[in-house]
């Protein structure tokens, strides 16, 4: 089955509970199997900064879904967990992004894979490095990309 990486996070309500519920819901119907999950990371907001810090993880999954079917599945879970898109990069109960999907590349408005800004964001790259340290993107190792993001605020939770 194809392998994909999902970035999951939020900053409204009981975010850890929302992430755990999203992980359960993503696996419903046996269309997706969790392989590895990173630690939880608290991260400063990016873009729109007048909001609470985020809690983020990255999950490695195997799925029989195509990239567009996976996007639809992730959007359905976000909707069920009351995700509202009011402000770009604004507060949210849950956010599920497809970061990578095998060697699939798409630059379409509805679905861009690899995620277009992931290499700029410690809240994606640090958890991704934790679970897939040997991964490469555009000829660069995840470790190399992550090492250039040490100016961003990110804290690994001890009991996360």
N, C-alpha and C. Protein backbone atom coordinates (compact mmCIF):
# COMPACT_ATOMS: atom_id res chain seq x y z
N UNK A 1 0.84 -1.19 0.00
CA UNK A 1 0.00 0.00 0.00
C UNK A 1 0.88 1.25 0.00
N UNK A 2 0.41 2.31 -0.66
CA UNK A 2 1.17 3.55 -0.66
C UNK A 2 1.32 4.13 0.75
N UNK A 3 2.44 4.82 0.96
CA UNK A 3 2.75 5.44 2.24
C UNK A 3 2.61 6.95 2.09
N UNK A 4 2.04 7.58 3.11
CA UNK A 4 1.89 9.03 3.12
C UNK A 4 2.24 9.55 4.51
N UNK A 5 2.53 10.83 4.57
CA UNK A 5 2.79 11.51 5.84
C UNK A 5 1.78 12.62 6.00
N UNK A 6 1.16 12.68 7.18
CA UNK A 6 0.16 13.69 7.49
C UNK A 6 0.65 14.58 8.62
N UNK A 7 0.46 15.87 8.47
CA UNK A 7 0.69 16.82 9.56
C UNK A 7 -0.65 17.09 10.21
N UNK A 8 -0.72 16.94 11.54
CA UNK A 8 -1.99 17.10 12.26
C UNK A 8 -1.76 18.03 13.44
N UNK A 9 -2.62 19.02 13.59
CA UNK A 9 -2.46 19.95 14.71
C UNK A 9 -3.69 20.81 14.91
N UNK A 10 -3.60 21.68 15.90
CA UNK A 10 -4.68 22.60 16.20
C UNK A 10 -4.32 23.46 17.39
N UNK A 11 -5.22 24.41 17.73
CA UNK A 11 -4.97 25.26 18.90
C UNK A 11 -6.26 25.75 19.56
N UNK A 12 -7.38 25.10 19.28
CA UNK A 12 -8.65 25.45 19.92
C UNK A 12 -9.19 24.23 20.65
N UNK A 13 -9.65 24.44 21.88
CA UNK A 13 -10.25 23.36 22.66
C UNK A 13 -9.19 22.43 23.22
N UNK A 14 -9.59 21.19 23.49
CA UNK A 14 -8.66 20.18 23.97
C UNK A 14 -7.96 19.59 22.75
N UNK A 15 -6.86 20.21 22.37
CA UNK A 15 -6.22 19.89 21.10
C UNK A 15 -5.67 18.47 21.08
N UNK A 16 -5.07 18.04 22.19
CA UNK A 16 -4.53 16.67 22.22
C UNK A 16 -5.66 15.66 22.01
N UNK A 17 -6.77 15.90 22.65
CA UNK A 17 -7.94 15.01 22.47
C UNK A 17 -8.43 15.08 21.02
N UNK A 18 -8.45 16.26 20.43
CA UNK A 18 -8.87 16.40 19.02
C UNK A 18 -7.94 15.63 18.09
N UNK A 19 -6.63 15.72 18.35
CA UNK A 19 -5.67 14.99 17.52
C UNK A 19 -5.88 13.48 17.65
N UNK A 20 -6.05 13.02 18.89
CA UNK A 20 -6.27 11.59 19.11
C UNK A 20 -7.56 11.12 18.45
N UNK A 21 -8.61 11.94 18.52
CA UNK A 21 -9.87 11.59 17.88
C UNK A 21 -9.70 11.58 16.35
N UNK A 22 -8.95 12.54 15.81
CA UNK A 22 -8.70 12.57 14.38
C UNK A 22 -7.97 11.30 13.93
N UNK A 23 -7.00 10.87 14.72
CA UNK A 23 -6.26 9.64 14.38
C UNK A 23 -7.19 8.43 14.34
N UNK A 24 -8.13 8.35 15.29
CA UNK A 24 -9.10 7.25 15.30
C UNK A 24 -10.01 7.34 14.08
N UNK A 25 -10.51 8.54 13.81
CA UNK A 25 -11.46 8.72 12.70
C UNK A 25 -10.79 8.45 11.35
N UNK A 26 -9.54 8.82 11.22
CA UNK A 26 -8.84 8.59 9.96
C UNK A 26 -8.75 7.10 9.63
N UNK A 27 -8.71 6.25 10.68
CA UNK A 27 -8.57 4.81 10.48
C UNK A 27 -9.91 4.10 10.26
N UNK A 28 -11.02 4.81 10.43
CA UNK A 28 -12.33 4.19 10.25
C UNK A 28 -12.49 3.69 8.82
N UNK A 29 -13.10 2.56 8.68
CA UNK A 29 -13.34 1.97 7.36
C UNK A 29 -12.13 1.24 6.82
N UNK A 30 -11.08 1.11 7.63
CA UNK A 30 -9.87 0.39 7.24
C UNK A 30 -9.26 0.88 5.92
N UNK A 31 -9.38 2.18 5.63
CA UNK A 31 -8.80 2.74 4.41
C UNK A 31 -7.41 3.31 4.66
N UNK A 32 -7.04 3.35 5.93
CA UNK A 32 -5.77 3.95 6.31
C UNK A 32 -5.24 3.23 7.55
N UNK A 33 -3.96 2.96 7.57
CA UNK A 33 -3.34 2.30 8.72
C UNK A 33 -2.19 3.16 9.24
N UNK A 34 -2.25 3.49 10.52
CA UNK A 34 -1.17 4.26 11.14
C UNK A 34 0.06 3.39 11.29
N UNK A 35 1.21 3.90 10.87
CA UNK A 35 2.48 3.20 10.99
C UNK A 35 3.32 3.78 12.12
N UNK A 36 3.51 5.09 12.09
CA UNK A 36 4.30 5.76 13.13
C UNK A 36 3.68 7.13 13.41
N UNK A 37 3.80 7.54 14.66
CA UNK A 37 3.31 8.85 15.09
C UNK A 37 4.42 9.52 15.86
N UNK A 38 4.68 10.78 15.54
CA UNK A 38 5.71 11.53 16.25
C UNK A 38 5.26 11.89 17.65
N UNK A 39 6.17 12.43 18.41
CA UNK A 39 5.83 13.04 19.69
C UNK A 39 4.96 14.26 19.42
N UNK A 40 4.36 14.79 20.48
CA UNK A 40 3.60 16.03 20.37
C UNK A 40 4.57 17.20 20.53
N UNK A 41 4.33 18.25 19.75
CA UNK A 41 5.17 19.44 19.79
C UNK A 41 4.29 20.68 19.94
N UNK A 42 4.66 21.55 20.86
CA UNK A 42 4.03 22.85 20.98
C UNK A 42 4.81 23.81 20.09
N UNK A 43 4.08 24.60 19.30
CA UNK A 43 4.76 25.49 18.37
C UNK A 43 4.07 26.84 18.31
N UNK A 44 4.90 27.85 18.13
CA UNK A 44 4.38 29.21 17.97
C UNK A 44 3.60 29.30 16.66
N UNK A 45 2.56 30.14 16.62
CA UNK A 45 1.81 30.29 15.37
C UNK A 45 2.66 30.92 14.28
N UNK A 46 2.35 30.56 13.04
CA UNK A 46 3.04 31.09 11.86
C UNK A 46 2.01 31.85 11.03
N UNK A 47 2.42 32.98 10.47
CA UNK A 47 1.52 33.77 9.63
C UNK A 47 0.67 34.70 10.47
N UNK A 48 -0.42 34.21 10.99
CA UNK A 48 -1.30 34.98 11.87
C UNK A 48 -0.88 34.69 13.30
N UNK A 49 -0.19 35.64 13.93
CA UNK A 49 0.47 35.37 15.21
C UNK A 49 -0.37 35.70 16.44
N UNK A 50 -1.50 36.39 16.30
CA UNK A 50 -2.33 36.77 17.44
C UNK A 50 -3.28 35.63 17.82
N UNK A 51 -2.68 34.52 18.25
CA UNK A 51 -3.46 33.35 18.64
C UNK A 51 -2.62 32.46 19.54
N UNK A 52 -3.27 31.46 20.10
CA UNK A 52 -2.60 30.51 21.00
C UNK A 52 -1.58 29.68 20.22
N UNK A 53 -0.60 29.12 20.96
CA UNK A 53 0.34 28.18 20.37
C UNK A 53 -0.42 26.95 19.87
N UNK A 54 0.19 26.22 18.95
CA UNK A 54 -0.39 25.01 18.39
C UNK A 54 0.22 23.77 19.02
N UNK A 55 -0.51 22.69 18.95
CA UNK A 55 -0.01 21.36 19.28
C UNK A 55 0.00 20.60 17.96
N UNK A 56 1.15 19.98 17.61
CA UNK A 56 1.31 19.33 16.31
C UNK A 56 1.96 17.96 16.43
N UNK A 57 1.61 17.10 15.50
CA UNK A 57 2.28 15.81 15.32
C UNK A 57 2.40 15.55 13.81
N UNK A 58 3.20 14.56 13.47
CA UNK A 58 3.22 14.02 12.11
C UNK A 58 2.98 12.53 12.22
N UNK A 59 2.16 12.00 11.32
CA UNK A 59 1.85 10.57 11.30
C UNK A 59 2.23 9.97 9.95
N UNK A 60 2.86 8.82 10.00
CA UNK A 60 3.12 8.04 8.79
C UNK A 60 1.99 7.04 8.65
N UNK A 61 1.39 6.99 7.46
CA UNK A 61 0.26 6.09 7.24
C UNK A 61 0.46 5.30 5.96
N UNK A 62 -0.20 4.17 5.90
CA UNK A 62 -0.34 3.42 4.66
C UNK A 62 -1.81 3.48 4.31
N UNK A 63 -2.10 3.67 3.02
CA UNK A 63 -3.49 3.83 2.62
C UNK A 63 -3.73 3.26 1.23
N UNK A 64 -4.93 2.77 1.05
CA UNK A 64 -5.35 2.33 -0.27
C UNK A 64 -6.01 3.47 -1.03
N UNK A 65 -6.17 4.62 -0.38
CA UNK A 65 -6.80 5.78 -1.01
C UNK A 65 -5.82 6.46 -1.98
N UNK A 66 -6.36 7.01 -3.05
CA UNK A 66 -5.56 7.86 -3.94
C UNK A 66 -5.30 9.17 -3.21
N UNK A 67 -4.38 10.01 -3.69
CA UNK A 67 -4.14 11.29 -3.03
C UNK A 67 -5.42 12.14 -2.89
N UNK A 68 -6.24 12.21 -3.93
CA UNK A 68 -7.47 13.00 -3.84
C UNK A 68 -8.49 12.37 -2.89
N UNK A 69 -8.56 11.05 -2.86
CA UNK A 69 -9.45 10.39 -1.90
C UNK A 69 -8.96 10.61 -0.47
N UNK A 70 -7.64 10.60 -0.28
CA UNK A 70 -7.09 10.86 1.05
C UNK A 70 -7.40 12.29 1.47
N UNK A 71 -7.27 13.25 0.56
CA UNK A 71 -7.62 14.63 0.86
C UNK A 71 -9.08 14.73 1.29
N UNK A 72 -9.97 14.09 0.56
CA UNK A 72 -11.39 14.11 0.90
C UNK A 72 -11.63 13.49 2.27
N UNK A 73 -10.95 12.39 2.55
CA UNK A 73 -11.07 11.72 3.85
C UNK A 73 -10.60 12.64 4.98
N UNK A 74 -9.47 13.30 4.79
CA UNK A 74 -8.95 14.23 5.80
C UNK A 74 -9.91 15.41 6.00
N UNK A 75 -10.45 15.95 4.91
CA UNK A 75 -11.40 17.06 5.02
C UNK A 75 -12.66 16.66 5.76
N UNK A 76 -13.11 15.42 5.54
CA UNK A 76 -14.30 14.91 6.23
C UNK A 76 -14.05 14.85 7.74
N UNK A 77 -12.87 14.36 8.13
CA UNK A 77 -12.53 14.28 9.55
C UNK A 77 -12.44 15.69 10.15
N UNK A 78 -11.82 16.62 9.43
CA UNK A 78 -11.75 18.01 9.91
C UNK A 78 -13.16 18.57 10.13
N UNK A 79 -14.05 18.34 9.18
CA UNK A 79 -15.43 18.82 9.28
C UNK A 79 -16.13 18.22 10.51
N UNK A 80 -15.94 16.92 10.72
CA UNK A 80 -16.58 16.26 11.86
C UNK A 80 -16.05 16.78 13.19
N UNK A 81 -14.81 17.27 13.18
CA UNK A 81 -14.22 17.84 14.40
C UNK A 81 -14.37 19.36 14.43
N UNK A 82 -15.30 19.86 13.64
CA UNK A 82 -15.73 21.25 13.65
C UNK A 82 -14.66 22.25 13.22
N UNK A 83 -13.84 21.86 12.25
CA UNK A 83 -12.85 22.78 11.68
C UNK A 83 -13.58 23.87 10.92
N UNK A 84 -13.24 25.13 11.20
CA UNK A 84 -13.77 26.27 10.46
C UNK A 84 -12.60 27.02 9.84
N UNK A 85 -12.77 27.42 8.60
CA UNK A 85 -11.72 28.16 7.88
C UNK A 85 -12.14 29.62 7.78
N UNK A 86 -11.86 30.38 8.85
CA UNK A 86 -12.26 31.78 8.91
C UNK A 86 -11.12 32.73 8.57
N UNK A 87 -9.93 32.46 9.09
CA UNK A 87 -8.76 33.30 8.89
C UNK A 87 -7.63 32.41 8.38
N UNK A 88 -6.97 32.83 7.30
CA UNK A 88 -5.84 32.04 6.80
C UNK A 88 -4.79 31.92 7.89
N UNK A 89 -4.35 30.72 8.14
CA UNK A 89 -3.39 30.38 9.20
C UNK A 89 -3.92 30.73 10.59
N UNK A 90 -5.24 30.84 10.71
CA UNK A 90 -5.85 31.24 11.97
C UNK A 90 -6.12 30.06 12.89
N UNK A 91 -6.76 30.35 14.03
CA UNK A 91 -7.06 29.31 15.02
C UNK A 91 -7.93 28.21 14.42
N UNK A 92 -7.75 26.98 14.92
CA UNK A 92 -8.55 25.87 14.43
C UNK A 92 -8.59 24.74 15.45
N UNK A 93 -9.66 23.98 15.42
CA UNK A 93 -9.79 22.81 16.29
C UNK A 93 -8.86 21.71 15.82
N UNK A 94 -8.76 21.57 14.50
CA UNK A 94 -7.92 20.52 13.92
C UNK A 94 -7.52 20.93 12.50
N UNK A 95 -6.35 20.51 12.11
CA UNK A 95 -5.87 20.72 10.75
C UNK A 95 -5.14 19.46 10.35
N UNK A 96 -5.51 18.89 9.21
CA UNK A 96 -4.87 17.68 8.72
C UNK A 96 -4.35 17.97 7.32
N UNK A 97 -3.04 17.98 7.17
CA UNK A 97 -2.41 18.25 5.88
C UNK A 97 -1.70 17.02 5.36
N UNK A 98 -1.85 16.76 4.07
CA UNK A 98 -1.06 15.72 3.42
C UNK A 98 0.29 16.36 3.10
N UNK A 99 1.33 15.87 3.74
CA UNK A 99 2.66 16.41 3.53
C UNK A 99 3.33 15.76 2.33
N UNK A 100 3.32 14.44 2.33
CA UNK A 100 3.94 13.64 1.27
C UNK A 100 3.05 12.44 1.00
N UNK A 101 3.06 11.97 -0.24
CA UNK A 101 2.34 10.76 -0.62
C UNK A 101 3.22 10.02 -1.62
N UNK A 102 3.93 9.00 -1.12
CA UNK A 102 4.88 8.25 -1.97
C UNK A 102 5.73 9.23 -2.78
N UNK A 103 5.84 9.00 -4.08
CA UNK A 103 6.59 9.91 -4.96
C UNK A 103 5.65 10.83 -5.74
N UNK A 104 4.41 10.89 -5.30
CA UNK A 104 3.39 11.68 -5.99
C UNK A 104 3.72 13.17 -5.89
N UNK A 105 3.58 13.88 -7.01
CA UNK A 105 3.78 15.32 -7.05
C UNK A 105 2.58 15.95 -7.74
N UNK A 106 2.01 16.96 -7.10
CA UNK A 106 0.88 17.69 -7.66
C UNK A 106 1.04 19.16 -7.30
N UNK A 107 0.81 20.02 -8.26
CA UNK A 107 0.90 21.46 -8.03
C UNK A 107 -0.44 22.12 -8.36
N UNK A 108 -1.51 21.41 -8.08
CA UNK A 108 -2.84 21.92 -8.36
C UNK A 108 -3.36 22.73 -7.17
N UNK A 109 -4.27 23.64 -7.44
CA UNK A 109 -4.79 24.49 -6.37
C UNK A 109 -5.44 23.68 -5.26
N UNK A 110 -6.19 22.64 -5.63
CA UNK A 110 -6.90 21.84 -4.63
C UNK A 110 -5.96 20.92 -3.84
N UNK A 111 -4.89 20.45 -4.48
CA UNK A 111 -3.99 19.51 -3.82
C UNK A 111 -2.55 19.72 -4.29
N UNK A 112 -1.72 20.19 -3.36
CA UNK A 112 -0.31 20.38 -3.67
C UNK A 112 0.50 19.43 -2.79
N UNK A 113 1.21 18.51 -3.44
CA UNK A 113 2.06 17.54 -2.75
C UNK A 113 3.39 17.50 -3.50
N UNK A 114 4.51 17.58 -2.78
CA UNK A 114 4.66 17.78 -1.35
C UNK A 114 4.02 19.10 -0.90
N UNK A 115 3.66 19.14 0.37
CA UNK A 115 3.05 20.35 0.92
C UNK A 115 3.97 21.53 0.63
N UNK A 116 3.43 22.62 0.09
CA UNK A 116 4.29 23.68 -0.46
C UNK A 116 5.19 24.41 0.52
N UNK A 117 4.83 24.50 1.78
CA UNK A 117 5.65 25.26 2.73
C UNK A 117 6.23 24.39 3.84
N UNK A 118 6.12 23.08 3.70
CA UNK A 118 6.56 22.22 4.80
C UNK A 118 8.03 22.38 5.13
N UNK A 119 8.87 22.59 4.12
CA UNK A 119 10.31 22.69 4.34
C UNK A 119 10.69 23.97 5.09
N UNK A 120 9.73 24.90 5.24
CA UNK A 120 9.97 26.16 5.96
C UNK A 120 9.48 26.10 7.40
N UNK A 121 8.87 25.01 7.81
CA UNK A 121 8.15 24.97 9.08
C UNK A 121 8.69 23.90 10.02
N UNK A 122 9.24 24.36 11.12
CA UNK A 122 9.77 23.43 12.13
C UNK A 122 8.68 22.51 12.66
N UNK A 123 7.44 23.02 12.78
CA UNK A 123 6.37 22.19 13.33
C UNK A 123 6.00 21.01 12.44
N UNK A 124 6.48 21.02 11.21
CA UNK A 124 6.33 19.88 10.31
C UNK A 124 7.63 19.07 10.25
N UNK A 125 8.72 19.75 10.01
CA UNK A 125 9.99 19.07 9.74
C UNK A 125 10.58 18.36 10.95
N UNK A 126 10.47 18.94 12.13
CA UNK A 126 11.04 18.30 13.34
C UNK A 126 10.29 17.00 13.66
N UNK A 127 8.95 17.00 13.72
CA UNK A 127 8.25 15.72 13.94
C UNK A 127 8.46 14.72 12.81
N UNK A 128 8.54 15.21 11.57
CA UNK A 128 8.79 14.32 10.44
C UNK A 128 10.17 13.69 10.56
N UNK A 129 11.14 14.47 10.94
CA UNK A 129 12.50 13.94 11.13
C UNK A 129 12.53 12.88 12.23
N UNK A 130 11.71 13.08 13.26
CA UNK A 130 11.66 12.12 14.36
C UNK A 130 11.22 10.73 13.88
N UNK A 131 10.22 10.67 12.99
CA UNK A 131 9.69 9.37 12.58
C UNK A 131 10.26 8.86 11.26
N UNK A 132 10.90 9.75 10.48
CA UNK A 132 11.44 9.33 9.18
C UNK A 132 12.78 10.04 8.92
N UNK A 133 13.78 9.78 9.74
CA UNK A 133 15.05 10.53 9.64
C UNK A 133 15.81 10.28 8.34
N UNK A 134 15.52 9.21 7.64
CA UNK A 134 16.23 8.88 6.40
C UNK A 134 15.52 9.40 5.14
N UNK A 135 14.44 10.13 5.32
CA UNK A 135 13.66 10.64 4.20
C UNK A 135 14.40 11.77 3.50
N UNK A 136 14.21 11.86 2.18
CA UNK A 136 14.80 12.94 1.38
C UNK A 136 13.69 13.68 0.65
N UNK A 137 13.88 14.98 0.48
CA UNK A 137 12.97 15.82 -0.30
C UNK A 137 13.81 16.65 -1.25
N UNK A 138 13.52 16.57 -2.51
CA UNK A 138 14.25 17.35 -3.51
C UNK A 138 15.76 17.22 -3.36
N UNK A 139 16.22 16.00 -3.08
CA UNK A 139 17.65 15.74 -2.97
C UNK A 139 18.29 16.17 -1.67
N UNK A 140 17.49 16.66 -0.73
CA UNK A 140 18.02 17.08 0.57
C UNK A 140 17.43 16.20 1.67
N UNK A 141 18.25 15.85 2.65
CA UNK A 141 17.75 15.02 3.75
C UNK A 141 16.87 15.86 4.67
N UNK A 142 15.94 15.17 5.33
CA UNK A 142 15.06 15.82 6.29
C UNK A 142 15.91 16.46 7.39
N UNK A 143 16.99 15.79 7.80
CA UNK A 143 17.85 16.34 8.85
C UNK A 143 18.49 17.65 8.41
N UNK A 144 18.94 17.72 7.18
CA UNK A 144 19.55 18.95 6.66
C UNK A 144 18.52 20.09 6.63
N UNK A 145 17.33 19.79 6.15
CA UNK A 145 16.28 20.81 6.07
C UNK A 145 15.92 21.28 7.48
N UNK A 146 15.75 20.35 8.41
CA UNK A 146 15.37 20.69 9.78
C UNK A 146 16.42 21.53 10.48
N UNK A 147 17.69 21.27 10.18
CA UNK A 147 18.76 22.00 10.87
C UNK A 147 18.75 23.49 10.51
N UNK A 148 18.09 23.86 9.44
CA UNK A 148 18.01 25.27 9.06
C UNK A 148 16.80 25.98 9.66
N UNK A 149 16.06 25.31 10.54
CA UNK A 149 14.83 25.88 11.10
C UNK A 149 14.95 26.16 12.60
N UNK A 150 16.17 26.24 13.11
CA UNK A 150 16.36 26.39 14.56
C UNK A 150 15.99 27.77 15.08
N UNK A 151 15.55 28.68 14.23
CA UNK A 151 15.11 30.00 14.69
C UNK A 151 13.62 30.02 15.03
N UNK A 152 12.91 28.90 14.86
CA UNK A 152 11.48 28.84 15.13
C UNK A 152 11.23 28.23 16.51
N UNK A 153 10.19 28.74 17.16
CA UNK A 153 9.87 28.26 18.51
C UNK A 153 9.10 26.94 18.43
N UNK A 154 9.69 25.91 19.03
CA UNK A 154 9.08 24.58 19.04
C UNK A 154 9.56 23.86 20.28
N UNK A 155 8.62 23.21 20.99
CA UNK A 155 8.94 22.47 22.21
C UNK A 155 8.33 21.08 22.16
N UNK A 156 9.16 20.08 22.32
CA UNK A 156 8.67 18.70 22.38
C UNK A 156 8.07 18.47 23.76
N UNK A 157 6.86 17.91 23.80
CA UNK A 157 6.24 17.61 25.08
C UNK A 157 6.83 16.33 25.65
N UNK A 158 7.11 16.35 26.92
CA UNK A 158 7.73 15.17 27.56
C UNK A 158 6.77 14.00 27.64
N UNK A 159 5.51 14.26 27.94
CA UNK A 159 4.53 13.18 28.08
C UNK A 159 3.53 13.20 26.94
N UNK A 160 4.03 13.48 25.74
CA UNK A 160 3.09 13.62 24.61
C UNK A 160 3.14 12.52 23.72
